[in-house]
């Protein structure tokens, strides 16, 4: 109970300050609408289904890109571990793309693929791939040599060692990378939807800004935050299920 109160207290303080500022008229309601107005608008968006539609579209894009990024991370990590020479060949190219902001590629992606789902998927993949891949690769490569030696004594080949020794040892890092990668995916898709989309939470915010609807802008921002909390909680639950020895830290 105390933990829940301490968690909710900052939110209540921010809400109280927001209410106080609007009541005192320190800012125009055009710039900062009152909590009551935002709640009323949110109720209308929920009843009409508009908010749910945009949220579902953004979530679908995030999950699609994230799954592709996870698959590519598994592929590159396994290949790099089993074929070190091949890893040396592509590692430089990956380093170049790691430092390129995914949103900077949107104009080029639009020229190549148009304003469709492909550019958004590529942006999400690029945003979430590197956190997942780097944590996964580091977990696989930093496995305890003594465990690997025991595996060799027992006659395990590289694939068996990867599955039975390296994977369990790397699992905490993999889950951390997935958690961070999901957060990057959420940020990337909102930016992409603001530039090249006609649906999604990013589009909802940009359209509301064009219509001078600051209340809808705030609703969109709060929805993104709530969605992030839900996704973060899902990975916390996944960690709780997969890593019983880490449950005291969660």
Foldseek 3Di string as FASTA:
>chain_A
DVVVCVVCVVVVVVLVVLQVCVVVCVDDCLQRNHPVVLVVVVVVCVVVVQVVFQAVVLVVLLVLLLVVLLVVLVVLLVCCVVPVVVNVVCVVVLVVLLPDQLLVCLVVVCVVPNQDSVSLSVNLSSQLNVLLNVLQNVQQVPFDVVVVVVCVVVPDDPVRCVVPGSCLSSVVSNLVSSLVSSVSSLVRNLSSCCPRHCGHLNNQLNVCVVVSNVSSNVVSVVVSVVVNVVSNVVSVVVCVVSPVVCVVVD
